Amino acid sequence: MGIVSLGEAKSKASAAGMDLVEIAPEAKPPVCKILDFGKFRYEKQKKQKLNKKKQHVVQVKEIRLRPNTGDHDLLTKLTKAKKFLENGSKLKVTILFRGREMAKQEMGLALLNRVSEILDEIAKVEKAPETEGRRMSLIMAPR
């Protein structure tokens, strides 16, 4: 319809039995449409639900180890870790230190390096091992 005054636009909308809806308030002059507001709101909600459904939330799965975890236990935990990575989740490998184990943090670092070598084919290290209090953690993402 082109550029029309506000009063004229309102009268045209009421004559058509519809509502005057502002579509783009930032534009100069603001863009308005004559349409059914209830239907407009419904369509907008429908688009939001569709966009929300298409979103993919990345999950971070965690595996906790101890510095003196045995070989067989480690392999058992890493098979579970492989499943997490194959499903598209990120993996956080955490080593918990207790008591005097804090003095032997190099054992924990060696264990994390070993884990990253074993999972190297299917995952890449996203965040290098770092110590936070009594924990040392490493984050891996699927390749």
N, C-alpha and C. Protein backbone atom coordinates (compact mmCIF):
# COMPACT_ATOMS: atom_id res chain seq x y z
N MET A 1 0.83 -1.20 0.00
CA MET A 1 0.00 0.00 0.00
C MET A 1 0.86 1.25 0.00
N GLY A 2 2.14 1.11 0.30
CA GLY A 2 3.03 2.26 0.32
C GLY A 2 3.00 2.94 1.68
N ILE A 3 3.50 4.18 1.72
CA ILE A 3 3.55 4.93 2.97
C ILE A 3 2.19 5.58 3.20
N VAL A 4 1.58 5.23 4.35
CA VAL A 4 0.23 5.70 4.70
C VAL A 4 0.29 6.23 6.12
N SER A 5 -0.55 7.21 6.43
CA SER A 5 -0.59 7.75 7.80
C SER A 5 -1.18 6.71 8.75
N LEU A 6 -0.89 6.88 10.03
CA LEU A 6 -1.32 5.93 11.05
C LEU A 6 -2.85 5.83 11.12
N GLY A 7 -3.52 6.94 11.09
CA GLY A 7 -4.98 6.95 11.16
C GLY A 7 -5.61 6.23 9.99
N GLU A 8 -5.07 6.49 8.80
CA GLU A 8 -5.60 5.86 7.59
C GLU A 8 -5.36 4.35 7.62
N ALA A 9 -4.18 3.94 8.12
CA ALA A 9 -3.85 2.51 8.21
C ALA A 9 -4.79 1.82 9.20
N LYS A 10 -5.07 2.47 10.33
CA LYS A 10 -5.98 1.88 11.32
C LYS A 10 -7.38 1.73 10.75
N SER A 11 -7.84 2.73 10.01
CA SER A 11 -9.19 2.66 9.43
C SER A 11 -9.28 1.56 8.37
N LYS A 12 -8.23 1.38 7.56
CA LYS A 12 -8.23 0.30 6.56
C LYS A 12 -8.25 -1.06 7.25
N ALA A 13 -7.51 -1.19 8.36
CA ALA A 13 -7.47 -2.46 9.09
C ALA A 13 -8.83 -2.78 9.70
N SER A 14 -9.48 -1.78 10.30
CA SER A 14 -10.79 -2.03 10.91
C SER A 14 -11.84 -2.31 9.84
N ALA A 15 -11.70 -1.69 8.66
CA ALA A 15 -12.64 -1.93 7.57
C ALA A 15 -12.50 -3.38 7.07
N ALA A 16 -11.28 -3.90 7.10
CA ALA A 16 -11.06 -5.28 6.66
C ALA A 16 -11.38 -6.28 7.77
N GLY A 17 -11.63 -5.79 8.98
CA GLY A 17 -11.94 -6.68 10.10
C GLY A 17 -10.69 -7.37 10.65
N MET A 18 -9.55 -6.73 10.49
CA MET A 18 -8.28 -7.31 10.93
C MET A 18 -7.56 -6.32 11.85
N ASP A 19 -6.33 -6.66 12.19
CA ASP A 19 -5.52 -5.82 13.06
C ASP A 19 -4.36 -5.21 12.29
N LEU A 20 -3.88 -4.05 12.78
CA LEU A 20 -2.69 -3.42 12.23
C LEU A 20 -1.52 -3.85 13.11
N VAL A 21 -0.60 -4.66 12.53
CA VAL A 21 0.51 -5.23 13.30
C VAL A 21 1.83 -4.63 12.82
N GLU A 22 2.62 -4.13 13.79
CA GLU A 22 3.93 -3.55 13.47
C GLU A 22 4.93 -4.69 13.30
N ILE A 23 5.50 -4.81 12.11
CA ILE A 23 6.42 -5.90 11.80
C ILE A 23 7.87 -5.51 12.06
N ALA A 24 8.29 -4.35 11.58
CA ALA A 24 9.67 -3.89 11.74
C ALA A 24 9.68 -2.49 12.34
N PRO A 25 9.75 -2.37 13.68
CA PRO A 25 9.71 -1.04 14.30
C PRO A 25 10.98 -0.22 14.09
N GLU A 26 12.10 -0.89 13.77
CA GLU A 26 13.36 -0.16 13.60
C GLU A 26 13.46 0.56 12.26
N ALA A 27 12.69 0.12 11.29
CA ALA A 27 12.76 0.69 9.95
C ALA A 27 12.24 2.13 9.94
N LYS A 28 12.70 2.91 8.98
CA LYS A 28 12.23 4.28 8.81
C LYS A 28 11.52 4.37 7.49
N PRO A 29 10.24 4.58 7.41
CA PRO A 29 9.21 4.54 8.45
C PRO A 29 8.96 3.09 8.89
N PRO A 30 8.37 2.88 10.09
CA PRO A 30 8.10 1.52 10.59
C PRO A 30 7.18 0.76 9.64
N VAL A 31 7.46 -0.55 9.49
CA VAL A 31 6.67 -1.39 8.59
C VAL A 31 5.55 -2.07 9.37
N CYS A 32 4.32 -1.92 8.86
CA CYS A 32 3.15 -2.53 9.48
C CYS A 32 2.40 -3.34 8.44
N LYS A 33 1.67 -4.35 8.91
CA LYS A 33 0.84 -5.16 8.02
C LYS A 33 -0.56 -5.26 8.60
N ILE A 34 -1.52 -5.42 7.70
CA ILE A 34 -2.89 -5.64 8.12
C ILE A 34 -3.11 -7.15 8.07
N LEU A 35 -3.27 -7.74 9.27
CA LEU A 35 -3.49 -9.19 9.35
C LEU A 35 -4.14 -9.54 10.68
N ASP A 36 -4.50 -10.81 10.84
CA ASP A 36 -5.11 -11.28 12.08
C ASP A 36 -4.00 -11.49 13.10
N PHE A 37 -4.03 -10.75 14.21
CA PHE A 37 -2.94 -10.77 15.20
C PHE A 37 -2.82 -12.13 15.88
N GLY A 38 -3.94 -12.78 16.17
CA GLY A 38 -3.91 -14.11 16.80
C GLY A 38 -3.18 -15.12 15.93
N LYS A 39 -3.48 -15.09 14.64
CA LYS A 39 -2.84 -16.00 13.70
C LYS A 39 -1.35 -15.67 13.58
N PHE A 40 -1.00 -14.40 13.57
CA PHE A 40 0.39 -13.94 13.49
C PHE A 40 1.18 -14.46 14.69
N ARG A 41 0.59 -14.32 15.89
CA ARG A 41 1.26 -14.77 17.11
C ARG A 41 1.44 -16.29 17.11
N TYR A 42 0.43 -17.01 16.63
CA TYR A 42 0.48 -18.48 16.54
C TYR A 42 1.61 -18.92 15.61
N GLU A 43 1.70 -18.28 14.44
CA GLU A 43 2.75 -18.63 13.48
C GLU A 43 4.14 -18.35 14.06
N LYS A 44 4.26 -17.25 14.80
CA LYS A 44 5.54 -16.89 15.41
C LYS A 44 5.97 -17.94 16.45
N GLN A 45 5.01 -18.40 17.27
CA GLN A 45 5.30 -19.43 18.27
C GLN A 45 5.69 -20.74 17.59
N LYS A 46 5.03 -21.05 16.49
CA LYS A 46 5.31 -22.27 15.75
C LYS A 46 6.75 -22.25 15.21
N LYS A 47 7.18 -21.10 14.70
CA LYS A 47 8.56 -20.95 14.20
C LYS A 47 9.57 -21.12 15.33
N GLN A 48 9.28 -20.53 16.50
CA GLN A 48 10.19 -20.65 17.64
C GLN A 48 10.33 -22.10 18.08
N LYS A 49 9.23 -22.84 18.12
CA LYS A 49 9.28 -24.25 18.51
C LYS A 49 10.10 -25.06 17.52
N LEU A 50 9.94 -24.76 16.24
CA LEU A 50 10.69 -25.47 15.20
C LEU A 50 12.18 -25.19 15.33
N ASN A 51 12.53 -23.93 15.58
CA ASN A 51 13.94 -23.57 15.75
C ASN A 51 14.53 -24.24 16.99
N LYS A 52 13.74 -24.33 18.05
CA LYS A 52 14.21 -24.95 19.28
C LYS A 52 14.44 -26.44 19.06
N LYS A 53 13.59 -27.05 18.26
CA LYS A 53 13.71 -28.48 17.97
C LYS A 53 14.98 -28.76 17.16
N LYS A 54 15.34 -27.84 16.27
CA LYS A 54 16.52 -28.03 15.43
C LYS A 54 17.83 -27.82 16.18
N GLN A 55 17.77 -27.14 17.33
CA GLN A 55 18.97 -26.88 18.11
C GLN A 55 19.55 -28.18 18.63
N HIS A 56 20.89 -28.27 18.63
CA HIS A 56 21.55 -29.44 19.20
C HIS A 56 22.40 -28.99 20.37
N VAL A 57 22.06 -29.49 21.55
CA VAL A 57 22.80 -29.13 22.75
C VAL A 57 23.93 -30.13 22.93
N VAL A 58 25.15 -29.63 23.04
CA VAL A 58 26.30 -30.51 23.22
C VAL A 58 26.39 -30.90 24.68
N GLN A 59 26.40 -32.20 24.92
CA GLN A 59 26.50 -32.69 26.28
C GLN A 59 27.96 -32.97 26.62
N VAL A 60 28.31 -32.76 27.87
CA VAL A 60 29.64 -33.10 28.35
C VAL A 60 29.49 -34.25 29.34
N LYS A 61 30.02 -35.40 28.96
CA LYS A 61 29.98 -36.58 29.83
C LYS A 61 31.31 -36.65 30.58
N GLU A 62 31.24 -37.09 31.83
CA GLU A 62 32.44 -37.11 32.65
C GLU A 62 32.78 -38.53 33.08
N ILE A 63 34.08 -38.83 33.05
CA ILE A 63 34.58 -40.09 33.57
C ILE A 63 35.59 -39.74 34.65
N ARG A 64 35.41 -40.32 35.83
CA ARG A 64 36.30 -40.02 36.95
C ARG A 64 37.24 -41.19 37.19
N LEU A 65 38.50 -40.85 37.36
CA LEU A 65 39.53 -41.84 37.63
C LEU A 65 40.31 -41.45 38.87
N ARG A 66 41.14 -42.36 39.34
CA ARG A 66 42.05 -42.09 40.45
C ARG A 66 43.46 -42.30 39.92
N PRO A 67 44.48 -41.69 40.53
CA PRO A 67 45.84 -41.83 40.01
C PRO A 67 46.33 -43.27 39.94
N ASN A 68 45.86 -44.12 40.82
CA ASN A 68 46.33 -45.51 40.82
C ASN A 68 45.27 -46.47 40.27
N THR A 69 44.47 -46.03 39.30
CA THR A 69 43.46 -46.89 38.67
C THR A 69 44.18 -47.97 37.88
N GLY A 70 43.72 -49.22 38.03
CA GLY A 70 44.35 -50.35 37.35
C GLY A 70 44.09 -50.33 35.85
N ASP A 71 44.90 -51.13 35.12
CA ASP A 71 44.81 -51.17 33.65
C ASP A 71 43.44 -51.66 33.18
N HIS A 72 42.95 -52.75 33.78
CA HIS A 72 41.68 -53.31 33.33
C HIS A 72 40.54 -52.34 33.62
N ASP A 73 40.57 -51.71 34.79
CA ASP A 73 39.53 -50.74 35.14
C ASP A 73 39.56 -49.56 34.18
N LEU A 74 40.77 -49.14 33.83
CA LEU A 74 40.93 -48.02 32.89
C LEU A 74 40.33 -48.36 31.53
N LEU A 75 40.63 -49.56 31.04
CA LEU A 75 40.09 -49.97 29.73
C LEU A 75 38.57 -50.09 29.76
N THR A 76 38.02 -50.55 30.88
CA THR A 76 36.57 -50.64 31.02
C THR A 76 35.95 -49.25 30.95
N LYS A 77 36.55 -48.30 31.65
CA LYS A 77 36.02 -46.92 31.62
C LYS A 77 36.18 -46.30 30.24
N LEU A 78 37.27 -46.63 29.55
CA LEU A 78 37.51 -46.03 28.24
C LEU A 78 36.58 -46.60 27.16
N THR A 79 36.09 -47.84 27.33
CA THR A 79 35.11 -48.34 26.36
C THR A 79 33.82 -47.54 26.49
N LYS A 80 33.47 -47.19 27.73
CA LYS A 80 32.29 -46.33 27.95
C LYS A 80 32.55 -44.94 27.35
N ALA A 81 33.77 -44.45 27.52
CA ALA A 81 34.13 -43.14 26.97
C ALA A 81 34.01 -43.13 25.45
N LYS A 82 34.42 -44.22 24.81
CA LYS A 82 34.31 -44.31 23.35
C LYS A 82 32.85 -44.22 22.91
N LYS A 83 31.95 -44.85 23.67
CA LYS A 83 30.52 -44.77 23.35
C LYS A 83 30.02 -43.34 23.46
N PHE A 84 30.46 -42.63 24.50
CA PHE A 84 30.05 -41.23 24.66
C PHE A 84 30.51 -40.41 23.46
N LEU A 85 31.76 -40.59 23.06
CA LEU A 85 32.32 -39.81 21.95
C LEU A 85 31.64 -40.17 20.63
N GLU A 86 31.32 -41.44 20.43
CA GLU A 86 30.66 -41.85 19.19
C GLU A 86 29.24 -41.29 19.10
N ASN A 87 28.62 -41.04 20.25
CA ASN A 87 27.28 -40.45 20.27
C ASN A 87 27.33 -38.93 20.08
N GLY A 88 28.52 -38.35 19.97
CA GLY A 88 28.65 -36.92 19.71
C GLY A 88 28.82 -36.06 20.95
N SER A 89 28.94 -36.67 22.11
CA SER A 89 29.12 -35.90 23.34
C SER A 89 30.60 -35.57 23.53
N LYS A 90 30.86 -34.49 24.27
CA LYS A 90 32.22 -34.20 24.66
C LYS A 90 32.52 -35.04 25.89
N LEU A 91 33.80 -35.26 26.16
CA LEU A 91 34.20 -36.11 27.27
C LEU A 91 35.14 -35.35 28.18
N LYS A 92 34.82 -35.37 29.48
CA LYS A 92 35.69 -34.76 30.48
C LYS A 92 36.25 -35.90 31.33
N VAL A 93 37.57 -36.06 31.30
CA VAL A 93 38.23 -37.08 32.09
C VAL A 93 38.81 -36.39 33.31
N THR A 94 38.36 -36.79 34.50
CA THR A 94 38.77 -36.15 35.74
C THR A 94 39.51 -37.15 36.61
N ILE A 95 40.62 -36.72 37.16
CA ILE A 95 41.37 -37.54 38.12
C ILE A 95 41.25 -36.87 39.47
N LEU A 96 40.77 -37.64 40.46
CA LEU A 96 40.58 -37.12 41.81
C LEU A 96 41.76 -37.55 42.67
N PHE A 97 42.34 -36.59 43.37
CA PHE A 97 43.46 -36.87 44.28
C PHE A 97 42.95 -36.81 45.71
N ARG A 98 43.44 -37.73 46.55
CA ARG A 98 43.09 -37.72 47.97
C ARG A 98 44.36 -37.73 48.79
N GLY A 99 44.34 -37.00 49.86
CA GLY A 99 45.44 -37.04 50.84
C GLY A 99 46.80 -36.82 50.24
N ARG A 100 47.69 -37.79 50.46
CA ARG A 100 49.09 -37.66 50.01
C ARG A 100 49.26 -37.82 48.51
N GLU A 101 48.21 -38.22 47.81
CA GLU A 101 48.30 -38.35 46.35
C GLU A 101 48.57 -37.01 45.70
N MET A 102 48.26 -35.91 46.38
CA MET A 102 48.50 -34.57 45.83
C MET A 102 49.99 -34.35 45.55
N ALA A 103 50.84 -35.04 46.27
CA ALA A 103 52.28 -34.89 46.07
C ALA A 103 52.74 -35.59 44.79
N LYS A 104 51.92 -36.50 44.27
CA LYS A 104 52.29 -37.26 43.07
C LYS A 104 51.37 -36.91 41.90
N GLN A 105 51.29 -35.63 41.60
CA GLN A 105 50.42 -35.21 40.51
C GLN A 105 50.94 -35.63 39.15
N GLU A 106 52.23 -35.92 39.05
CA GLU A 106 52.77 -36.37 37.75
C GLU A 106 52.18 -37.72 37.35
N MET A 107 51.77 -38.55 38.33
CA MET A 107 51.10 -39.82 38.02
C MET A 107 49.76 -39.55 37.34
N GLY A 108 49.05 -38.55 37.84
CA GLY A 108 47.77 -38.18 37.25
C GLY A 108 47.93 -37.64 35.84
N LEU A 109 48.95 -36.82 35.65
CA LEU A 109 49.22 -36.25 34.33
C LEU A 109 49.59 -37.35 33.34
N ALA A 110 50.39 -38.32 33.80
CA ALA A 110 50.77 -39.45 32.94
C ALA A 110 49.53 -40.26 32.55
N LEU A 111 48.61 -40.44 33.50
CA LEU A 111 47.38 -41.18 33.23
C LEU A 111 46.51 -40.45 32.20
N LEU A 112 46.40 -39.13 32.34
CA LEU A 112 45.62 -38.34 31.37
C LEU A 112 46.25 -38.40 29.98
N ASN A 113 47.57 -38.35 29.92
CA ASN A 113 48.26 -38.45 28.62
C ASN A 113 48.01 -39.82 28.00
N ARG A 114 48.00 -40.85 28.82
CA ARG A 114 47.74 -42.20 28.34
C ARG A 114 46.31 -42.30 27.79
N VAL A 115 45.37 -41.71 28.50
CA VAL A 115 43.97 -41.71 28.04
C VAL A 115 43.85 -41.00 26.69
N SER A 116 44.51 -39.85 26.56
CA SER A 116 44.42 -39.10 25.29
C SER A 116 45.08 -39.87 24.15
N GLU A 117 46.15 -40.65 24.43
CA GLU A 117 46.78 -41.48 23.39
C GLU A 117 45.85 -42.60 22.96
N ILE A 118 45.18 -43.23 23.93
CA ILE A 118 44.29 -44.35 23.61
C ILE A 118 43.09 -43.88 22.78
N LEU A 119 42.54 -42.73 23.13
CA LEU A 119 41.35 -42.21 22.43
C LEU A 119 41.71 -41.30 21.26
N ASP A 120 42.97 -41.26 20.87
CA ASP A 120 43.44 -40.33 19.84
C ASP A 120 42.74 -40.51 18.49
N GLU A 121 42.39 -41.77 18.12
CA GLU A 121 41.77 -42.00 16.80
C GLU A 121 40.38 -41.40 16.70
N ILE A 122 39.63 -41.40 17.81
CA ILE A 122 38.24 -40.95 17.72
C ILE A 122 37.98 -39.59 18.36
N ALA A 123 38.99 -39.04 19.06
CA ALA A 123 38.77 -37.76 19.74
C ALA A 123 40.03 -36.91 19.72
N LYS A 124 39.81 -35.61 19.83
CA LYS A 124 40.94 -34.68 19.91
C LYS A 124 40.84 -33.93 21.24
N VAL A 125 42.00 -33.54 21.75
CA VAL A 125 42.03 -32.83 23.03
C VAL A 125 41.58 -31.40 22.79
N GLU A 126 40.51 -31.00 23.49
CA GLU A 126 39.99 -29.65 23.34
C GLU A 126 40.57 -28.72 24.40
N LYS A 127 40.79 -29.25 25.58
CA LYS A 127 41.35 -28.45 26.67
C LYS A 127 42.41 -29.29 27.36
N ALA A 128 43.63 -28.81 27.38
CA ALA A 128 44.75 -29.54 27.95
C ALA A 128 44.53 -29.81 29.44
N PRO A 129 45.23 -30.81 29.98
CA PRO A 129 45.05 -31.12 31.41
C PRO A 129 45.37 -29.92 32.30
N GLU A 130 44.50 -29.64 33.22
CA GLU A 130 44.75 -28.55 34.15
C GLU A 130 44.23 -28.94 35.53
N THR A 131 44.91 -28.43 36.56
CA THR A 131 44.58 -28.78 37.93
C THR A 131 43.67 -27.73 38.54
N GLU A 132 42.59 -28.19 39.19
CA GLU A 132 41.68 -27.31 39.91
C GLU A 132 41.51 -27.91 41.30
N GLY A 133 42.21 -27.42 42.26
CA GLY A 133 42.12 -27.95 43.62
C GLY A 133 42.66 -29.36 43.68
N ARG A 134 41.79 -30.31 44.07
CA ARG A 134 42.20 -31.71 44.18
C ARG A 134 41.85 -32.53 42.94
N ARG A 135 41.51 -31.86 41.84
CA ARG A 135 41.16 -32.56 40.61
C ARG A 135 42.05 -32.10 39.46
N MET A 136 42.29 -33.00 38.55
CA MET A 136 42.99 -32.68 37.31
C MET A 136 42.08 -33.16 36.20
N SER A 137 41.78 -32.29 35.23
CA SER A 137 40.83 -32.69 34.20
C SER A 137 41.31 -32.35 32.80
N LEU A 138 40.75 -33.08 31.86
CA LEU A 138 41.08 -32.97 30.44
C LEU A 138 39.76 -33.05 29.69
N ILE A 139 39.55 -32.20 28.69
CA ILE A 139 38.30 -32.24 27.92
C ILE A 139 38.63 -32.66 26.48
N MET A 140 37.88 -33.62 26.00
CA MET A 140 38.08 -34.14 24.63
C MET A 140 36.78 -34.00 23.84
N ALA A 141 36.93 -33.75 22.55
CA ALA A 141 35.77 -33.62 21.66
C ALA A 141 35.89 -34.66 20.55
N PRO A 142 34.77 -35.18 20.06
CA PRO A 142 34.86 -36.17 18.98
C PRO A 142 35.43 -35.57 17.70
N ARG A 143 36.15 -36.38 16.94
CA ARG A 143 36.73 -35.91 15.68
C ARG A 143 35.66 -35.84 14.61
